[in-house]
C-alpha atoms as a PDB file:
ATOM      1  CA  UNK A   1     104.705  69.945 136.133  1.00  0.00           C
ATOM      2  CA  UNK A   2     106.051  72.463 138.673  1.00  0.00           C
ATOM      3  CA  UNK A   3     109.552  72.024 137.279  1.00  0.00           C
ATOM      4  CA  UNK A   4     108.320  72.708 133.713  1.00  0.00           C
ATOM      5  CA  UNK A   5     106.517  75.882 134.824  1.00  0.00           C
ATOM      6  CA  UNK A   6     109.562  77.012 136.799  1.00  0.00           C
ATOM      7  CA  UNK A   7     111.833  76.557 133.741  1.00  0.00           C
ATOM      8  CA  UNK A   8     109.300  78.378 131.563  1.00  0.00           C
ATOM      9  CA  UNK A   9     109.175  81.392 133.901  1.00  0.00           C
ATOM     10  CA  UNK A  10     112.961  81.464 134.288  1.00  0.00           C
ATOM     11  CA  UNK A  11     113.416  81.471 130.503  1.00  0.00           C
ATOM     12  CA  UNK A  12     110.679  84.083 130.102  1.00  0.00           C
ATOM     13  CA  UNK A  13     112.433  86.372 132.568  1.00  0.00           C
ATOM     14  CA  UNK A  14     115.363  86.620 130.170  1.00  0.00           C
ATOM     15  CA  UNK A  15     113.098  88.361 127.682  1.00  0.00           C
ATOM     16  CA  UNK A  16     110.516  90.121 129.773  1.00  0.00           C
ATOM     17  CA  UNK A  17     110.641  93.595 131.134  1.00  0.00           C
ATOM     18  CA  UNK A  18     108.177  95.904 132.761  1.00  0.00           C
ATOM     19  CA  UNK A  19     108.742  98.999 130.664  1.00  0.00           C
ATOM     20  CA  UNK A  20     105.638 101.130 130.471  1.00  0.00           C
ATOM     21  CA  UNK A  21     105.636 102.722 127.047  1.00  0.00           C
ATOM     22  CA  UNK A  22     104.661 106.286 126.318  1.00  0.00           C
ATOM     23  CA  UNK A  23     101.162 106.990 125.043  1.00  0.00           C
ATOM     24  CA  UNK A  24     100.717 106.254 121.331  1.00  0.00           C
ATOM     25  CA  UNK A  25     100.349 109.973 120.612  1.00  0.00           C
ATOM     26  CA  UNK A  26     104.157 110.242 120.944  1.00  0.00           C
ATOM     27  CA  UNK A  27     104.978 107.350 118.619  1.00  0.00           C
ATOM     28  CA  UNK A  28     105.109 107.166 114.840  1.00  0.00           C
ATOM     29  CA  UNK A  29     103.999 103.929 113.192  1.00  0.00           C
ATOM     30  CA  UNK A  30     104.221 102.435 109.712  1.00  0.00           C
ATOM     31  CA  UNK A  31     102.599  99.410 108.152  1.00  0.00           C
ATOM     32  CA  UNK A  32      99.597  97.306 109.023  1.00  0.00           C
ATOM     33  CA  UNK A  33      98.859  97.005 112.776  1.00  0.00           C
ATOM     34  CA  UNK A  34      97.827  93.375 112.280  1.00  0.00           C
ATOM     35  CA  UNK A  35     101.102  92.406 110.577  1.00  0.00           C
ATOM     36  CA  UNK A  36     102.692  89.231 111.911  1.00  0.00           C
ATOM     37  CA  UNK A  37     105.813  91.065 113.093  1.00  0.00           C
ATOM     38  CA  UNK A  38     105.735  94.083 115.371  1.00  0.00           C
ATOM     39  CA  UNK A  39     108.888  96.106 115.788  1.00  0.00           C
ATOM     40  CA  UNK A  40     109.476  99.071 118.054  1.00  0.00           C
ATOM     41  CA  UNK A  41     112.584 101.148 117.522  1.00  0.00           C
ATOM     42  CA  UNK A  42     113.406 103.229 120.597  1.00  0.00           C
ATOM     43  CA  UNK A  43     115.078 106.417 119.393  1.00  0.00           C
ATOM     44  CA  UNK A  44     116.137 109.930 120.255  1.00  0.00           C
ATOM     45  CA  UNK A  45     116.199 112.929 117.940  1.00  0.00           C
ATOM     46  CA  UNK A  46     119.724 113.688 119.170  1.00  0.00           C
ATOM     47  CA  UNK A  47     121.166 110.182 118.773  1.00  0.00           C
ATOM     48  CA  UNK A  48     123.631 110.004 115.854  1.00  0.00           C
ATOM     49  CA  UNK A  49     123.035 106.248 115.400  1.00  0.00           C
ATOM     50  CA  UNK A  50     119.251 106.706 115.309  1.00  0.00           C
ATOM     51  CA  UNK A  51     119.483 109.474 112.726  1.00  0.00           C
ATOM     52  CA  UNK A  52     122.003 107.532 110.613  1.00  0.00           C
ATOM     53  CA  UNK A  53     119.900 104.365 110.691  1.00  0.00           C
ATOM     54  CA  UNK A  54     116.855 106.330 109.586  1.00  0.00           C
ATOM     55  CA  UNK A  55     118.706 108.162 106.821  1.00  0.00           C
ATOM     56  CA  UNK A  56     120.616 105.152 105.509  1.00  0.00           C
ATOM     57  CA  UNK A  57     118.288 102.174 105.993  1.00  0.00           C
ATOM     58  CA  UNK A  58     114.699 103.059 106.825  1.00  0.00           C
ATOM     59  CA  UNK A  59     113.459 103.736 103.266  1.00  0.00           C
ATOM     60  CA  UNK A  60     114.615 100.286 102.090  1.00  0.00           C
ATOM     61  CA  UNK A  61     113.285  98.620 105.224  1.00  0.00           C
ATOM     62  CA  UNK A  62     109.929 100.344 104.739  1.00  0.00           C
ATOM     63  CA  UNK A  63     109.677  99.177 101.118  1.00  0.00           C
ATOM     64  CA  UNK A  64     110.697  95.590 101.932  1.00  0.00           C
ATOM     65  CA  UNK A  65     108.869  95.045 105.209  1.00  0.00           C
ATOM     66  CA  UNK A  66     106.174  97.626 105.955  1.00  0.00           C
ATOM     67  CA  UNK A  67     104.822  98.258 102.469  1.00  0.00           C
ATOM     68  CA  UNK A  68     104.535  94.474 102.013  1.00  0.00           C
ATOM     69  CA  UNK A  69     102.689  94.213 105.349  1.00  0.00           C
ATOM     70  CA  UNK A  70     105.266  91.875 106.896  1.00  0.00           C
ATOM     71  CA  UNK A  71     106.029  94.357 109.683  1.00  0.00           C
ATOM     72  CA  UNK A  72     104.235  96.942 111.772  1.00  0.00           C
ATOM     73  CA  UNK A  73     107.034  99.319 112.743  1.00  0.00           C
ATOM     74  CA  UNK A  74     106.852 101.939 115.488  1.00  0.00           C
ATOM     75  CA  UNK A  75     109.315 104.669 116.371  1.00  0.00           C
ATOM     76  CA  UNK A  76     109.038 105.223 120.131  1.00  0.00           C
ATOM     77  CA  UNK A  77     110.915 108.208 121.579  1.00  0.00           C
ATOM     78  CA  UNK A  78     113.261 107.907 124.527  1.00  0.00           C
ATOM     79  CA  UNK A  79     112.906 111.395 126.021  1.00  0.00           C
ATOM     80  CA  UNK A  80     116.261 111.752 127.742  1.00  0.00           C
ATOM     81  CA  UNK A  81     117.155 114.981 125.931  1.00  0.00           C
ATOM     82  CA  UNK A  82     115.541 118.345 125.243  1.00  0.00           C
ATOM     83  CA  UNK A  83     115.181 117.874 121.487  1.00  0.00           C
ATOM     84  CA  UNK A  84     113.258 114.617 121.907  1.00  0.00           C
ATOM     85  CA  UNK A  85     110.903 116.209 124.448  1.00  0.00           C
ATOM     86  CA  UNK A  86     110.341 119.047 121.975  1.00  0.00           C
ATOM     87  CA  UNK A  87     109.604 116.429 119.326  1.00  0.00           C
ATOM     88  CA  UNK A  88     107.071 114.803 121.637  1.00  0.00           C
ATOM     89  CA  UNK A  89     105.303 118.154 122.107  1.00  0.00           C
ATOM     90  CA  UNK A  90     104.987 118.315 118.338  1.00  0.00           C
ATOM     91  CA  UNK A  91     103.941 114.692 117.820  1.00  0.00           C
ATOM     92  CA  UNK A  92     101.080 114.821 120.318  1.00  0.00           C
ATOM     93  CA  UNK A  93      99.355 117.401 118.104  1.00  0.00           C
ATOM     94  CA  UNK A  94      99.560 115.511 114.806  1.00  0.00           C
ATOM     95  CA  UNK A  95      97.523 112.875 112.973  1.00  0.00           C
ATOM     96  CA  UNK A  96      99.235 109.590 112.105  1.00  0.00           C
ATOM     97  CA  UNK A  97      99.992 110.718 108.545  1.00  0.00           C
ATOM     98  CA  UNK A  98     101.351 114.084 109.692  1.00  0.00           C
ATOM     99  CA  UNK A  99     103.488 112.319 112.309  1.00  0.00           C
ATOM    100  CA  UNK A 100     105.169 110.350 109.525  1.00  0.00           C
ATOM    101  CA  UNK A 101     105.746 113.519 107.486  1.00  0.00           C
ATOM    102  CA  UNK A 102     107.149 115.297 110.559  1.00  0.00           C
ATOM    103  CA  UNK A 103     109.470 112.444 111.522  1.00  0.00           C
ATOM    104  CA  UNK A 104     110.757 111.884 107.993  1.00  0.00           C
ATOM    105  CA  UNK A 105     111.370 115.600 107.362  1.00  0.00           C
ATOM    106  CA  UNK A 106     113.027 116.152 110.702  1.00  0.00           C
ATOM    107  CA  UNK A 107     115.309 113.109 110.706  1.00  0.00           C
ATOM    108  CA  UNK A 108     116.395 113.941 107.161  1.00  0.00           C
ATOM    109  CA  UNK A 109     117.411 117.467 108.182  1.00  0.00           C
ATOM    110  CA  UNK A 110     118.258 117.390 111.892  1.00  0.00           C
ATOM    111  CA  UNK A 111     121.682 118.819 112.705  1.00  0.00           C
ATOM    112  CA  UNK A 112     123.140 116.852 115.587  1.00  0.00           C
ATOM    113  CA  UNK A 113     125.794 119.506 116.187  1.00  0.00           C
ATOM    114  CA  UNK A 114     123.214 122.291 116.463  1.00  0.00           C
ATOM    115  CA  UNK A 115     120.255 121.385 118.671  1.00  0.00           C
ATOM    116  CA  UNK A 116     118.854 124.931 118.514  1.00  0.00           C
ATOM    117  CA  UNK A 117     118.726 124.773 114.731  1.00  0.00           C
ATOM    118  CA  UNK A 118     116.976 121.412 114.936  1.00  0.00           C
ATOM    119  CA  UNK A 119     114.369 122.870 117.313  1.00  0.00           C
ATOM    120  CA  UNK A 120     113.801 125.716 114.840  1.00  0.00           C
ATOM    121  CA  UNK A 121     113.278 123.076 112.123  1.00  0.00           C
ATOM    122  CA  UNK A 122     110.642 121.465 114.341  1.00  0.00           C
ATOM    123  CA  UNK A 123     108.867 124.777 114.812  1.00  0.00           C
ATOM    124  CA  UNK A 124     108.894 125.416 111.061  1.00  0.00           C
ATOM    125  CA  UNK A 125     107.630 121.908 110.312  1.00  0.00           C
ATOM    126  CA  UNK A 126     104.748 122.383 112.735  1.00  0.00           C
ATOM    127  CA  UNK A 127     103.822 125.677 111.060  1.00  0.00           C
ATOM    128  CA  UNK A 128     103.836 123.994 107.640  1.00  0.00           C
ATOM    129  CA  UNK A 129     101.713 121.123 109.008  1.00  0.00           C
ATOM    130  CA  UNK A 130      99.187 123.627 110.347  1.00  0.00           C
ATOM    131  CA  UNK A 131      99.897 123.062 114.048  1.00  0.00           C
ATOM    132  CA  UNK A 132     102.248 125.847 115.147  1.00  0.00           C
ATOM    133  CA  UNK A 133     103.971 125.571 118.516  1.00  0.00           C
ATOM    134  CA  UNK A 134     105.397 129.085 118.968  1.00  0.00           C
ATOM    135  CA  UNK A 135     106.852 128.433 122.435  1.00  0.00           C
ATOM    136  CA  UNK A 136     108.621 125.194 121.491  1.00  0.00           C
ATOM    137  CA  UNK A 137     112.023 126.569 122.514  1.00  0.00           C
ATOM    138  CA  UNK A 138     110.755 128.103 125.784  1.00  0.00           C
ATOM    139  CA  UNK A 139     111.865 125.772 128.596  1.00  0.00           C
ATOM    140  CA  UNK A 140     109.305 127.120 131.052  1.00  0.00           C
ATOM    141  CA  UNK A 141     106.524 126.368 128.572  1.00  0.00           C
ATOM    142  CA  UNK A 142     107.940 122.900 127.920  1.00  0.00           C
ATOM    143  CA  UNK A 143     108.057 122.072 131.632  1.00  0.00           C
ATOM    144  CA  UNK A 144     104.279 122.535 131.812  1.00  0.00           C
ATOM    145  CA  UNK A 145     103.358 120.350 128.831  1.00  0.00           C
ATOM    146  CA  UNK A 146     101.812 116.897 128.865  1.00  0.00           C
ATOM    147  CA  UNK A 147     104.802 115.694 126.853  1.00  0.00           C
ATOM    148  CA  UNK A 148     107.254 116.843 129.530  1.00  0.00           C
ATOM    149  CA  UNK A 149     105.256 115.137 132.263  1.00  0.00           C
ATOM    150  CA  UNK A 150     105.032 111.928 130.224  1.00  0.00           C
ATOM    151  CA  UNK A 151     108.769 112.106 129.497  1.00  0.00           C
ATOM    152  CA  UNK A 152     109.607 112.608 133.166  1.00  0.00           C
ATOM    153  CA  UNK A 153     107.455 109.666 134.213  1.00  0.00           C
ATOM    154  CA  UNK A 154     108.943 107.500 131.460  1.00  0.00           C
ATOM    155  CA  UNK A 155     112.603 108.106 132.305  1.00  0.00           C
ATOM    156  CA  UNK A 156     111.972 107.627 136.039  1.00  0.00           C
ATOM    157  CA  UNK A 157     110.785 104.055 135.552  1.00  0.00           C
ATOM    158  CA  UNK A 158     112.803 101.420 137.325  1.00  0.00           C
ATOM    159  CA  UNK A 159     112.992  99.273 134.195  1.00  0.00           C
ATOM    160  CA  UNK A 160     113.910 101.765 131.491  1.00  0.00           C
ATOM    161  CA  UNK A 161     115.902 101.879 128.306  1.00  0.00           C
ATOM    162  CA  UNK A 162     119.191 103.623 128.845  1.00  0.00           C
ATOM    163  CA  UNK A 163     120.707 103.357 125.382  1.00  0.00           C
ATOM    164  CA  UNK A 164     119.420 104.263 121.960  1.00  0.00           C
ATOM    165  CA  UNK A 165     118.901 102.921 119.470  1.00  0.00           C
ATOM    166  CA  UNK A 166     117.285  99.884 121.049  1.00  0.00           C
ATOM    167  CA  UNK A 167     114.826  97.571 119.347  1.00  0.00           C
ATOM    168  CA  UNK A 168     111.917  95.390 120.425  1.00  0.00           C
ATOM    169  CA  UNK A 169     110.773  92.630 118.069  1.00  0.00           C
ATOM    170  CA  UNK A 170     107.544  90.766 118.736  1.00  0.00           C
ATOM    171  CA  UNK A 171     107.668  91.601 122.435  1.00  0.00           C
ATOM    172  CA  UNK A 172     111.349  90.737 122.952  1.00  0.00           C
ATOM    173  CA  UNK A 173     113.625  93.633 123.842  1.00  0.00           C
ATOM    174  CA  UNK A 174     117.099  93.526 122.298  1.00  0.00           C
ATOM    175  CA  UNK A 175     119.084  95.993 124.387  1.00  0.00           C
ATOM    176  CA  UNK A 176     122.452  95.223 122.840  1.00  0.00           C
ATOM    177  CA  UNK A 177     121.409  95.022 119.190  1.00  0.00           C
ATOM    178  CA  UNK A 178     121.393  97.922 116.759  1.00  0.00           C
ATOM    179  CA  UNK A 179     118.077  97.921 114.880  1.00  0.00           C
ATOM    180  CA  UNK A 180     119.736  97.746 111.467  1.00  0.00           C
ATOM    181  CA  UNK A 181     117.994  96.550 108.328  1.00  0.00           C
ATOM    182  CA  UNK A 182     119.998  93.298 108.357  1.00  0.00           C
ATOM    183  CA  UNK A 183     119.222  92.599 112.025  1.00  0.00           C
ATOM    184  CA  UNK A 184     115.496  93.227 111.561  1.00  0.00           C
ATOM    185  CA  UNK A 185     115.265  91.164 108.384  1.00  0.00           C
ATOM    186  CA  UNK A 186     117.166  88.321 110.102  1.00  0.00           C
ATOM    187  CA  UNK A 187     114.831  88.346 113.103  1.00  0.00           C
ATOM    188  CA  UNK A 188     111.585  88.394 111.123  1.00  0.00           C
ATOM    189  CA  UNK A 189     112.621  85.548 108.802  1.00  0.00           C
ATOM    190  CA  UNK A 190     113.310  83.127 111.669  1.00  0.00           C
END
């Protein structure tokens, strides 16, 4: 019996991690929370792969997996850059529906070569959504926000995610896999 438990815990250690996620107010979710499959895509607003995956594959993935209630999908920010922290400041002020609108509008328009322009887009989006953040580009203001403090605590964890995009499927973290539509569909059909 001890040997069986030992093997179980050794095999579990290959998949387990002690990452403490950010509060849900910083994440954007789609689908039914009681869906059989739960996927978390760890992203950054300044990651070219994250933006490309969203622009090229997310709409189809949403139609095939979230709208059919096969998957509950969450975008979880990895706040290792200024633009993502600014995004977190915005997200913490929005309802779930407005978070989706914000994320979709921003990822469709973000300019990876011009972070200042992208921050201005965020400010404009927040004005349109009825939650203006006039000091969003003021670094002193940002350093005093709840989002900044949460971001700092998150990136200082011993067991953190260092590369984006990274994906977690049903509690298993895939650090070396790109969360593409094909990868996700392959995992959830197993």
